[in-house]
Amino acid sequence: MLEAGILPDRVTWTAILNACSHTEAKDAISSMPFEPGPAVLQDILTGCQIQGNVDFGIQAAKRLIELRPHREGGYVLLSNVYATAGRWNDVAGVRILMRDRGVFK
């Protein structure tokens, strides 16, 4: 695309991330010409849950929660990543954090 003079937009990056594995996604994110927004971060979190990549999922969730601290999406996806990894104490911790911040599913 770049060689053809076409700059990818957020929709294009989301499609690329959906097509990539989590390792390829890390590289794609670091080369983005813009800061990944909530939609991209949610896609990353979903991929991390599927791939079982807890560490990368935690990073993406923290960024998503920073961007939207009063929306449940980041918390729920982070909880799902932890659940997939069998980290039930961390799942409970996310639920407590949501309650403390007044965020409900």
PDB file of N, CA and C in Angstrom:
ATOM      1  N   MET A   1       0.826  -1.188   0.000  1.00  0.00           N
ATOM      2  CA  MET A   1       0.000   0.000   0.000  1.00  0.00           C
ATOM      3  C   MET A   1       0.870   1.251   0.000  1.00  0.00           C
ATOM      4  N   LEU A   2       1.884   1.233   0.859  1.00  0.00           N
ATOM      5  CA  LEU A   2       2.744   2.407   0.951  1.00  0.00           C
ATOM      6  C   LEU A   2       3.480   2.670  -0.362  1.00  0.00           C
ATOM      7  N   GLU A   3       3.915   1.602  -1.023  1.00  0.00           N
ATOM      8  CA  GLU A   3       4.600   1.758  -2.300  1.00  0.00           C
ATOM      9  C   GLU A   3       3.682   2.343  -3.359  1.00  0.00           C
ATOM     10  N   ALA A   4       2.383   2.086  -3.226  1.00  0.00           N
ATOM     11  CA  ALA A   4       1.410   2.633  -4.166  1.00  0.00           C
ATOM     12  C   ALA A   4       0.954   4.035  -3.758  1.00  0.00           C
ATOM     13  N   GLY A   5       1.516   4.543  -2.650  1.00  0.00           N
ATOM     14  CA  GLY A   5       1.154   5.881  -2.200  1.00  0.00           C
ATOM     15  C   GLY A   5      -0.153   5.938  -1.418  1.00  0.00           C
ATOM     16  N   ILE A   6      -0.606   4.785  -0.932  1.00  0.00           N
ATOM     17  CA  ILE A   6      -1.846   4.730  -0.170  1.00  0.00           C
ATOM     18  C   ILE A   6      -1.501   4.529   1.300  1.00  0.00           C
ATOM     19  N   LEU A   7      -1.964   5.454   2.150  1.00  0.00           N
ATOM     20  CA  LEU A   7      -1.729   5.325   3.579  1.00  0.00           C
ATOM     21  C   LEU A   7      -2.855   4.531   4.225  1.00  0.00           C
ATOM     22  N   PRO A   8      -2.516   3.498   4.983  1.00  0.00           N
ATOM     23  CA  PRO A   8      -3.558   2.712   5.645  1.00  0.00           C
ATOM     24  C   PRO A   8      -4.248   3.529   6.743  1.00  0.00           C
ATOM     25  N   ASP A   9      -5.548   3.342   6.859  1.00  0.00           N
ATOM     26  CA  ASP A   9      -6.299   4.018   7.919  1.00  0.00           C
ATOM     27  C   ASP A   9      -6.564   3.034   9.055  1.00  0.00           C
ATOM     28  N   ARG A  10      -7.344   3.466  10.028  1.00  0.00           N
ATOM     29  CA  ARG A  10      -7.618   2.614  11.192  1.00  0.00           C
ATOM     30  C   ARG A  10      -8.348   1.321  10.813  1.00  0.00           C
ATOM     31  N   VAL A  11      -9.235   1.400   9.852  1.00  0.00           N
ATOM     32  CA  VAL A  11      -9.967   0.202   9.413  1.00  0.00           C
ATOM     33  C   VAL A  11      -9.000  -0.799   8.801  1.00  0.00           C
ATOM     34  N   THR A  12      -8.069  -0.308   7.993  1.00  0.00           N
ATOM     35  CA  THR A  12      -7.074  -1.177   7.370  1.00  0.00           C
ATOM     36  C   THR A  12      -6.224  -1.859   8.436  1.00  0.00           C
ATOM     37  N   TRP A  13      -5.781  -1.086   9.435  1.00  0.00           N
ATOM     38  CA  TRP A  13      -4.956  -1.661  10.501  1.00  0.00           C
ATOM     39  C   TRP A  13      -5.733  -2.718  11.288  1.00  0.00           C
ATOM     40  N   THR A  14      -7.010  -2.467  11.523  1.00  0.00           N
ATOM     41  CA  THR A  14      -7.822  -3.448  12.234  1.00  0.00           C
ATOM     42  C   THR A  14      -7.900  -4.748  11.433  1.00  0.00           C
ATOM     43  N   ALA A  15      -8.078  -4.631  10.138  1.00  0.00           N
ATOM     44  CA  ALA A  15      -8.124  -5.818   9.283  1.00  0.00           C
ATOM     45  C   ALA A  15      -6.786  -6.560   9.304  1.00  0.00           C
ATOM     46  N   ILE A  16      -5.701  -5.820   9.285  1.00  0.00           N
ATOM     47  CA  ILE A  16      -4.368  -6.434   9.338  1.00  0.00           C
ATOM     48  C   ILE A  16      -4.195  -7.191  10.651  1.00  0.00           C
ATOM     49  N   LEU A  17      -4.581  -6.554  11.755  1.00  0.00           N
ATOM     50  CA  LEU A  17      -4.438  -7.193  13.059  1.00  0.00           C
ATOM     51  C   LEU A  17      -5.284  -8.457  13.165  1.00  0.00           C
ATOM     52  N   ASN A  18      -6.473  -8.424  12.592  1.00  0.00           N
ATOM     53  CA  ASN A  18      -7.321  -9.610  12.609  1.00  0.00           C
ATOM     54  C   ASN A  18      -6.704 -10.754  11.825  1.00  0.00           C
ATOM     55  N   ALA A  19      -5.943 -10.421  10.813  1.00  0.00           N
ATOM     56  CA  ALA A  19      -5.331 -11.438   9.964  1.00  0.00           C
ATOM     57  C   ALA A  19      -4.005 -11.950  10.532  1.00  0.00           C
ATOM     58  N   CYS A  20      -3.463 -11.258  11.495  1.00  0.00           N
ATOM     59  CA  CYS A  20      -2.148 -11.603  12.031  1.00  0.00           C
ATOM     60  C   CYS A  20      -2.239 -12.410  13.317  1.00  0.00           C
ATOM     61  N   SER A  21      -1.171 -13.102  13.612  1.00  0.00           N
ATOM     62  CA  SER A  21      -1.063 -13.714  14.939  1.00  0.00           C
ATOM     63  C   SER A  21      -0.632 -12.635  15.912  1.00  0.00           C
ATOM     64  N   HIS A  22      -0.624 -12.942  17.203  1.00  0.00           N
ATOM     65  CA  HIS A  22      -0.298 -11.925  18.200  1.00  0.00           C
ATOM     66  C   HIS A  22       1.131 -11.400  18.052  1.00  0.00           C
ATOM     67  N   THR A  23       2.107 -12.257  17.633  1.00  0.00           N
ATOM     68  CA  THR A  23       3.481 -11.791  17.441  1.00  0.00           C
ATOM     69  C   THR A  23       3.545 -10.822  16.275  1.00  0.00           C
ATOM     70  N   GLU A  24       2.884 -11.161  15.144  1.00  0.00           N
ATOM     71  CA  GLU A  24       2.871 -10.244  14.005  1.00  0.00           C
ATOM     72  C   GLU A  24       2.149  -8.952  14.381  1.00  0.00           C
ATOM     73  N   ALA A  25       1.113  -9.069  15.264  1.00  0.00           N
ATOM     74  CA  ALA A  25       0.355  -7.895  15.685  1.00  0.00           C
ATOM     75  C   ALA A  25       1.234  -6.924  16.461  1.00  0.00           C
ATOM     76  N   LYS A  26       2.105  -7.436  17.345  1.00  0.00           N
ATOM     77  CA  LYS A  26       3.014  -6.559  18.090  1.00  0.00           C
ATOM     78  C   LYS A  26       3.844  -5.717  17.133  1.00  0.00           C
ATOM     79  N   ASP A  27       4.373  -6.359  16.099  1.00  0.00           N
ATOM     80  CA  ASP A  27       5.183  -5.637  15.117  1.00  0.00           C
ATOM     81  C   ASP A  27       4.342  -4.614  14.361  1.00  0.00           C
ATOM     82  N   ALA A  28       3.121  -5.006  13.993  1.00  0.00           N
ATOM     83  CA  ALA A  28       2.244  -4.085  13.266  1.00  0.00           C
ATOM     84  C   ALA A  28       1.898  -2.872  14.113  1.00  0.00           C
ATOM     85  N   ILE A  29       1.616  -3.092  15.384  1.00  0.00           N
ATOM     86  CA  ILE A  29       1.256  -1.978  16.266  1.00  0.00           C
ATOM     87  C   ILE A  29       2.411  -1.009  16.427  1.00  0.00           C
ATOM     88  N   SER A  30       3.613  -1.543  16.598  1.00  0.00           N
ATOM     89  CA  SER A  30       4.765  -0.662  16.793  1.00  0.00           C
ATOM     90  C   SER A  30       5.085   0.152  15.549  1.00  0.00           C
ATOM     91  N   SER A  31       4.615  -0.293  14.377  1.00  0.00           N
ATOM     92  CA  SER A  31       4.904   0.451  13.146  1.00  0.00           C
ATOM     93  C   SER A  31       3.737   1.326  12.686  1.00  0.00           C
ATOM     94  N   MET A  32       2.645   1.358  13.471  1.00  0.00           N
ATOM     95  CA  MET A  32       1.492   2.177  13.082  1.00  0.00           C
ATOM     96  C   MET A  32       1.863   3.655  13.044  1.00  0.00           C
ATOM     97  N   PRO A  33       1.333   4.393  12.079  1.00  0.00           N
ATOM     98  CA  PRO A  33       1.614   5.823  12.011  1.00  0.00           C
ATOM     99  C   PRO A  33       0.715   6.640  12.945  1.00  0.00           C
ATOM    100  N   PHE A  34      -0.052   5.970  13.814  1.00  0.00           N
ATOM    101  CA  PHE A  34      -0.915   6.639  14.784  1.00  0.00           C
ATOM    102  C   PHE A  34      -1.015   5.761  16.028  1.00  0.00           C
ATOM    103  N   GLU A  35      -1.454   6.368  17.123  1.00  0.00           N
ATOM    104  CA  GLU A  35      -1.653   5.618  18.362  1.00  0.00           C
ATOM    105  C   GLU A  35      -2.878   4.715  18.215  1.00  0.00           C
ATOM    106  N   PRO A  36      -2.748   3.420  18.529  1.00  0.00           N
ATOM    107  CA  PRO A  36      -3.913   2.545  18.386  1.00  0.00           C
ATOM    108  C   PRO A  36      -5.054   2.994  19.290  1.00  0.00           C
ATOM    109  N   GLY A  37      -6.236   3.053  18.726  1.00  0.00           N
ATOM    110  CA  GLY A  37      -7.416   3.469  19.460  1.00  0.00           C
ATOM    111  C   GLY A  37      -8.139   2.289  20.079  1.00  0.00           C
ATOM    112  N   PRO A  38      -9.273   2.566  20.705  1.00  0.00           N
ATOM    113  CA  PRO A  38     -10.029   1.509  21.385  1.00  0.00           C
ATOM    114  C   PRO A  38     -10.407   0.328  20.495  1.00  0.00           C
ATOM    115  N   ALA A  39     -10.810   0.570  19.265  1.00  0.00           N
ATOM    116  CA  ALA A  39     -11.214  -0.536  18.388  1.00  0.00           C
ATOM    117  C   ALA A  39     -10.040  -1.470  18.115  1.00  0.00           C
ATOM    118  N   VAL A  40      -8.877  -0.921  17.852  1.00  0.00           N
ATOM    119  CA  VAL A  40      -7.690  -1.736  17.601  1.00  0.00           C
ATOM    120  C   VAL A  40      -7.297  -2.495  18.871  1.00  0.00           C
ATOM    121  N   LEU A  41      -7.332  -1.801  20.006  1.00  0.00           N
ATOM    122  CA  LEU A  41      -6.976  -2.449  21.269  1.00  0.00           C
ATOM    123  C   LEU A  41      -7.942  -3.581  21.619  1.00  0.00           C
ATOM    124  N   GLN A  42      -9.221  -3.390  21.338  1.00  0.00           N
ATOM    125  CA  GLN A  42     -10.186  -4.459  21.576  1.00  0.00           C
ATOM    126  C   GLN A  42      -9.907  -5.668  20.694  1.00  0.00           C
ATOM    127  N   ASP A  43      -9.542  -5.424  19.440  1.00  0.00           N
ATOM    128  CA  ASP A  43      -9.178  -6.528  18.548  1.00  0.00           C
ATOM    129  C   ASP A  43      -7.946  -7.271  19.066  1.00  0.00           C
ATOM    130  N   ILE A  44      -6.985  -6.514  19.566  1.00  0.00           N
ATOM    131  CA  ILE A  44      -5.773  -7.118  20.119  1.00  0.00           C
ATOM    132  C   ILE A  44      -6.128  -7.993  21.317  1.00  0.00           C
ATOM    133  N   LEU A  45      -6.972  -7.458  22.196  1.00  0.00           N
ATOM    134  CA  LEU A  45      -7.373  -8.213  23.380  1.00  0.00           C
ATOM    135  C   LEU A  45      -8.107  -9.497  23.013  1.00  0.00           C
ATOM    136  N   THR A  46      -8.969  -9.423  22.044  1.00  0.00           N
ATOM    137  CA  THR A  46      -9.682 -10.618  21.592  1.00  0.00           C
ATOM    138  C   THR A  46      -8.689 -11.652  21.065  1.00  0.00           C
ATOM    139  N   GLY A  47      -7.728 -11.196  20.272  1.00  0.00           N
ATOM    140  CA  GLY A  47      -6.685 -12.091  19.761  1.00  0.00           C
ATOM    141  C   GLY A  47      -5.840 -12.679  20.877  1.00  0.00           C
ATOM    142  N   CYS A  48      -5.536 -11.877  21.877  1.00  0.00           N
ATOM    143  CA  CYS A  48      -4.754 -12.372  23.011  1.00  0.00           C
ATOM    144  C   CYS A  48      -5.511 -13.441  23.776  1.00  0.00           C
ATOM    145  N   GLN A  49      -6.813 -13.262  23.905  1.00  0.00           N
ATOM    146  CA  GLN A  49      -7.623 -14.263  24.586  1.00  0.00           C
ATOM    147  C   GLN A  49      -7.585 -15.576  23.803  1.00  0.00           C
ATOM    148  N   ILE A  50      -7.759 -15.489  22.506  1.00  0.00           N
ATOM    149  CA  ILE A  50      -7.767 -16.684  21.655  1.00  0.00           C
ATOM    150  C   ILE A  50      -6.403 -17.371  21.677  1.00  0.00           C
ATOM    151  N   GLN A  51      -5.329 -16.577  21.611  1.00  0.00           N
ATOM    152  CA  GLN A  51      -3.978 -17.126  21.543  1.00  0.00           C
ATOM    153  C   GLN A  51      -3.397 -17.448  22.916  1.00  0.00           C
ATOM    154  N   GLY A  52      -4.049 -16.991  23.984  1.00  0.00           N
ATOM    155  CA  GLY A  52      -3.524 -17.213  25.326  1.00  0.00           C
ATOM    156  C   GLY A  52      -2.319 -16.355  25.650  1.00  0.00           C
ATOM    157  N   ASN A  53      -2.195 -15.209  24.989  1.00  0.00           N
ATOM    158  CA  ASN A  53      -1.063 -14.310  25.210  1.00  0.00           C
ATOM    159  C   ASN A  53      -1.424 -13.308  26.308  1.00  0.00           C
ATOM    160  N   VAL A  54      -1.256 -13.731  27.551  1.00  0.00           N
ATOM    161  CA  VAL A  54      -1.678 -12.940  28.696  1.00  0.00           C
ATOM    162  C   VAL A  54      -0.883 -11.642  28.814  1.00  0.00           C
ATOM    163  N   ASP A  55       0.438 -11.721  28.677  1.00  0.00           N
ATOM    164  CA  ASP A  55       1.270 -10.525  28.877  1.00  0.00           C
ATOM    165  C   ASP A  55       0.910  -9.397  27.911  1.00  0.00           C
ATOM    166  N   PHE A  56       0.785  -9.727  26.644  1.00  0.00           N
ATOM    167  CA  PHE A  56       0.434  -8.705  25.654  1.00  0.00           C
ATOM    168  C   PHE A  56      -1.002  -8.227  25.871  1.00  0.00           C
ATOM    169  N   GLY A  57      -1.883  -9.151  26.260  1.00  0.00           N
ATOM    170  CA  GLY A  57      -3.263  -8.785  26.546  1.00  0.00           C
ATOM    171  C   GLY A  57      -3.369  -7.806  27.699  1.00  0.00           C
ATOM    172  N   ILE A  58      -2.559  -8.018  28.728  1.00  0.00           N
ATOM    173  CA  ILE A  58      -2.553  -7.105  29.871  1.00  0.00           C
ATOM    174  C   ILE A  58      -2.128  -5.717  29.435  1.00  0.00           C
ATOM    175  N   GLN A  59      -1.085  -5.631  28.614  1.00  0.00           N
ATOM    176  CA  GLN A  59      -0.618  -4.324  28.126  1.00  0.00           C
ATOM    177  C   GLN A  59      -1.706  -3.610  27.341  1.00  0.00           C
ATOM    178  N   ALA A  60      -2.352  -4.336  26.445  1.00  0.00           N
ATOM    179  CA  ALA A  60      -3.405  -3.730  25.630  1.00  0.00           C
ATOM    180  C   ALA A  60      -4.594  -3.318  26.493  1.00  0.00           C
ATOM    181  N   ALA A  61      -4.944  -4.152  27.468  1.00  0.00           N
ATOM    182  CA  ALA A  61      -6.082  -3.835  28.346  1.00  0.00           C
ATOM    183  C   ALA A  61      -5.802  -2.597  29.179  1.00  0.00           C
ATOM    184  N   LYS A  62      -4.612  -2.485  29.704  1.00  0.00           N
ATOM    185  CA  LYS A  62      -4.277  -1.302  30.505  1.00  0.00           C
ATOM    186  C   LYS A  62      -4.402  -0.034  29.664  1.00  0.00           C
ATOM    187  N   ARG A  63      -3.957  -0.106  28.437  1.00  0.00           N
ATOM    188  CA  ARG A  63      -4.060   1.070  27.553  1.00  0.00           C
ATOM    189  C   ARG A  63      -5.525   1.371  27.235  1.00  0.00           C
ATOM    190  N   LEU A  64      -6.312   0.330  26.973  1.00  0.00           N
ATOM    191  CA  LEU A  64      -7.731   0.517  26.683  1.00  0.00           C
ATOM    192  C   LEU A  64      -8.453   1.104  27.892  1.00  0.00           C
ATOM    193  N   ILE A  65      -8.132   0.607  29.073  1.00  0.00           N
ATOM    194  CA  ILE A  65      -8.754   1.121  30.292  1.00  0.00           C
ATOM    195  C   ILE A  65      -8.348   2.569  30.535  1.00  0.00           C
ATOM    196  N   GLU A  66      -7.103   2.936  30.195  1.00  0.00           N
ATOM    197  CA  GLU A  66      -6.681   4.337  30.294  1.00  0.00           C
ATOM    198  C   GLU A  66      -7.510   5.224  29.371  1.00  0.00           C
ATOM    199  N   LEU A  67      -7.775   4.735  28.162  1.00  0.00           N
ATOM    200  CA  LEU A  67      -8.538   5.520  27.195  1.00  0.00           C
ATOM    201  C   LEU A  67     -10.017   5.613  27.553  1.00  0.00           C
ATOM    202  N   ARG A  68     -10.559   4.539  28.128  1.00  0.00           N
ATOM    203  CA  ARG A  68     -11.988   4.480  28.453  1.00  0.00           C
ATOM    204  C   ARG A  68     -12.186   3.874  29.848  1.00  0.00           C
ATOM    205  N   PRO A  69     -11.811   4.623  30.894  1.00  0.00           N
ATOM    206  CA  PRO A  69     -11.850   4.057  32.247  1.00  0.00           C
ATOM    207  C   PRO A  69     -13.251   3.759  32.766  1.00  0.00           C
ATOM    208  N   HIS A  70     -14.270   4.365  32.192  1.00  0.00           N
ATOM    209  CA  HIS A  70     -15.631   4.154  32.683  1.00  0.00           C
ATOM    210  C   HIS A  70     -16.462   3.264  31.762  1.00  0.00           C
ATOM    211  N   ARG A  71     -15.803   2.632  30.788  1.00  0.00           N
ATOM    212  CA  ARG A  71     -16.491   1.687  29.897  1.00  0.00           C
ATOM    213  C   ARG A  71     -16.050   0.280  30.264  1.00  0.00           C
ATOM    214  N   GLU A  72     -16.962  -0.657  30.207  1.00  0.00           N
ATOM    215  CA  GLU A  72     -16.695  -2.006  30.692  1.00  0.00           C
ATOM    216  C   GLU A  72     -15.841  -2.864  29.763  1.00  0.00           C
ATOM    217  N   GLY A  73     -15.733  -2.490  28.493  1.00  0.00           N
ATOM    218  CA  GLY A  73     -15.080  -3.343  27.498  1.00  0.00           C
ATOM    219  C   GLY A  73     -13.683  -3.805  27.848  1.00  0.00           C
ATOM    220  N   GLY A  74     -12.817  -2.898  28.225  1.00  0.00           N
ATOM    221  CA  GLY A  74     -11.436  -3.253  28.548  1.00  0.00           C
ATOM    222  C   GLY A  74     -11.339  -4.183  29.745  1.00  0.00           C
ATOM    223  N   TYR A  75     -12.152  -3.901  30.751  1.00  0.00           N
ATOM    224  CA  TYR A  75     -12.148  -4.734  31.949  1.00  0.00           C
ATOM    225  C   TYR A  75     -12.629  -6.158  31.638  1.00  0.00           C
ATOM    226  N   VAL A  76     -13.715  -6.250  30.888  1.00  0.00           N
ATOM    227  CA  VAL A  76     -14.282  -7.559  30.558  1.00  0.00           C
ATOM    228  C   VAL A  76     -13.301  -8.367  29.708  1.00  0.00           C
ATOM    229  N   LEU A  77     -12.689  -7.717  28.722  1.00  0.00           N
ATOM    230  CA  LEU A  77     -11.732  -8.430  27.882  1.00  0.00           C
ATOM    231  C   LEU A  77     -10.494  -8.855  28.678  1.00  0.00           C
ATOM    232  N   LEU A  78     -10.043  -7.989  29.594  1.00  0.00           N
ATOM    233  CA  LEU A  78      -8.907  -8.366  30.439  1.00  0.00           C
ATOM    234  C   LEU A  78      -9.279  -9.557  31.312  1.00  0.00           C
ATOM    235  N   SER A  79     -10.464  -9.519  31.876  1.00  0.00           N
ATOM    236  CA  SER A  79     -10.947 -10.635  32.686  1.00  0.00           C
ATOM    237  C   SER A  79     -10.985 -11.920  31.859  1.00  0.00           C
ATOM    238  N   ASN A  80     -11.416 -11.822  30.617  1.00  0.00           N
ATOM    239  CA  ASN A  80     -11.462 -12.988  29.736  1.00  0.00           C
ATOM    240  C   ASN A  80     -10.074 -13.548  29.441  1.00  0.00           C
ATOM    241  N   VAL A  81      -9.099 -12.648  29.241  1.00  0.00           N
ATOM    242  CA  VAL A  81      -7.716 -13.093  29.002  1.00  0.00           C
ATOM    243  C   VAL A  81      -7.215 -13.861  30.224  1.00  0.00           C
ATOM    244  N   TYR A  82      -7.447 -13.304  31.404  1.00  0.00           N
ATOM    245  CA  TYR A  82      -7.043 -13.991  32.638  1.00  0.00           C
ATOM    246  C   TYR A  82      -7.751 -15.337  32.772  1.00  0.00           C
ATOM    247  N   ALA A  83      -9.047 -15.374  32.488  1.00  0.00           N
ATOM    248  CA  ALA A  83      -9.815 -16.616  32.615  1.00  0.00           C
ATOM    249  C   ALA A  83      -9.289 -17.686  31.670  1.00  0.00           C
ATOM    250  N   THR A  84      -8.966 -17.286  30.448  1.00  0.00           N
ATOM    251  CA  THR A  84      -8.415 -18.229  29.476  1.00  0.00           C
ATOM    252  C   THR A  84      -7.114 -18.843  29.985  1.00  0.00           C
ATOM    253  N   ALA A  85      -6.339 -18.044  30.731  1.00  0.00           N
ATOM    254  CA  ALA A  85      -5.069 -18.520  31.287  1.00  0.00           C
ATOM    255  C   ALA A  85      -5.260 -19.237  32.626  1.00  0.00           C
ATOM    256  N   GLY A  86      -6.500 -19.300  33.111  1.00  0.00           N
ATOM    257  CA  GLY A  86      -6.754 -19.954  34.388  1.00  0.00           C
ATOM    258  C   GLY A  86      -6.310 -19.137  35.587  1.00  0.00           C
ATOM    259  N   ARG A  87      -6.166 -17.849  35.423  1.00  0.00           N
ATOM    260  CA  ARG A  87      -5.717 -16.959  36.501  1.00  0.00           C
ATOM    261  C   ARG A  87      -6.939 -16.372  37.216  1.00  0.00           C
ATOM    262  N   TRP A  88      -7.599 -17.200  38.001  1.00  0.00           N
ATOM    263  CA  TRP A  88      -8.883 -16.836  38.600  1.00  0.00           C
ATOM    264  C   TRP A  88      -8.767 -15.738  39.650  1.00  0.00           C
ATOM    265  N   ASN A  89      -7.648 -15.662  40.366  1.00  0.00           N
ATOM    266  CA  ASN A  89      -7.471 -14.565  41.322  1.00  0.00           C
ATOM    267  C   ASN A  89      -7.397 -13.223  40.604  1.00  0.00           C
ATOM    268  N   ASP A  90      -6.752 -13.219  39.436  1.00  0.00           N
ATOM    269  CA  ASP A  90      -6.678 -11.987  38.647  1.00  0.00           C
ATOM    270  C   ASP A  90      -8.043 -11.622  38.070  1.00  0.00           C
ATOM    271  N   VAL A  91      -8.826 -12.631  37.680  1.00  0.00           N
ATOM    272  CA  VAL A  91     -10.199 -12.379  37.216  1.00  0.00           C
ATOM    273  C   VAL A  91     -10.975 -11.680  38.323  1.00  0.00           C
ATOM    274  N   ALA A  92     -10.879 -12.210  39.540  1.00  0.00           N
ATOM    275  CA  ALA A  92     -11.577 -11.604  40.678  1.00  0.00           C
ATOM    276  C   ALA A  92     -11.078 -10.181  40.926  1.00  0.00           C
ATOM    277  N   GLY A  93      -9.778  -9.962  40.761  1.00  0.00           N
ATOM    278  CA  GLY A  93      -9.216  -8.630  40.951  1.00  0.00           C
ATOM    279  C   GLY A  93      -9.775  -7.614  39.962  1.00  0.00           C
ATOM    280  N   VAL A  94      -9.956  -8.038  38.723  1.00  0.00           N
ATOM    281  CA  VAL A  94     -10.533  -7.151  37.711  1.00  0.00           C
ATOM    282  C   VAL A  94     -11.973  -6.808  38.082  1.00  0.00           C
ATOM    283  N   ARG A  95     -12.717  -7.802  38.538  1.00  0.00           N
ATOM    284  CA  ARG A  95     -14.118  -7.562  38.937  1.00  0.00           C
ATOM    285  C   ARG A  95     -14.189  -6.594  40.114  1.00  0.00           C
ATOM    286  N   ILE A  96     -13.273  -6.727  41.066  1.00  0.00           N
ATOM    287  CA  ILE A  96     -13.229  -5.809  42.207  1.00  0.00           C
ATOM    288  C   ILE A  96     -12.885  -4.402  41.735  1.00  0.00           C
ATOM    289  N   LEU A  97     -11.919  -4.288  40.819  1.00  0.00           N
ATOM    290  CA  LEU A  97     -11.547  -2.989  40.264  1.00  0.00           C
ATOM    291  C   LEU A  97     -12.736  -2.329  39.574  1.00  0.00           C
ATOM    292  N   MET A  98     -13.490  -3.125  38.816  1.00  0.00           N
ATOM    293  CA  MET A  98     -14.678  -2.591  38.157  1.00  0.00           C
ATOM    294  C   MET A  98     -15.674  -2.063  39.186  1.00  0.00           C
ATOM    295  N   ARG A  99     -15.915  -2.854  40.225  1.00  0.00           N
ATOM    296  CA  ARG A  99     -16.860  -2.434  41.262  1.00  0.00           C
ATOM    297  C   ARG A  99     -16.390  -1.147  41.927  1.00  0.00           C
ATOM    298  N   ASP A 100     -15.090  -1.094  42.267  1.00  0.00           N
ATOM    299  CA  ASP A 100     -14.545   0.084  42.943  1.00  0.00           C
ATOM    300  C   ASP A 100     -14.629   1.344  42.088  1.00  0.00           C
ATOM    301  N   ARG A 101     -14.542   1.157  40.773  1.00  0.00           N
ATOM    302  CA  ARG A 101     -14.607   2.307  39.850  1.00  0.00           C
ATOM    303  C   ARG A 101     -16.024   2.587  39.353  1.00  0.00           C
ATOM    304  N   GLY A 102     -16.982   1.799  39.812  1.00  0.00           N
ATOM    305  CA  GLY A 102     -18.366   2.009  39.404  1.00  0.00           C
ATOM    306  C   GLY A 102     -18.647   1.623  37.971  1.00  0.00           C
ATOM    307  N   VAL A 103     -17.885   0.655  37.471  1.00  0.00           N
ATOM    308  CA  VAL A 103     -18.070   0.169  36.103  1.00  0.00           C
ATOM    309  C   VAL A 103     -18.802  -1.154  36.171  1.00  0.00           C
ATOM    310  N   PHE A 104     -19.903  -1.269  35.412  1.00  0.00           N
ATOM    311  CA  PHE A 104     -20.706  -2.478  35.461  1.00  0.00           C
ATOM    312  C   PHE A 104     -20.842  -3.091  34.078  1.00  0.00           C
ATOM    313  N   LYS A 105     -20.907  -4.409  34.058  1.00  0.00           N
ATOM    314  CA  LYS A 105     -21.028  -5.180  32.819  1.00  0.00           C
ATOM    315  C   LYS A 105     -22.456  -5.149  32.351  1.00  0.00           C
TER     316      LYS A 105
END
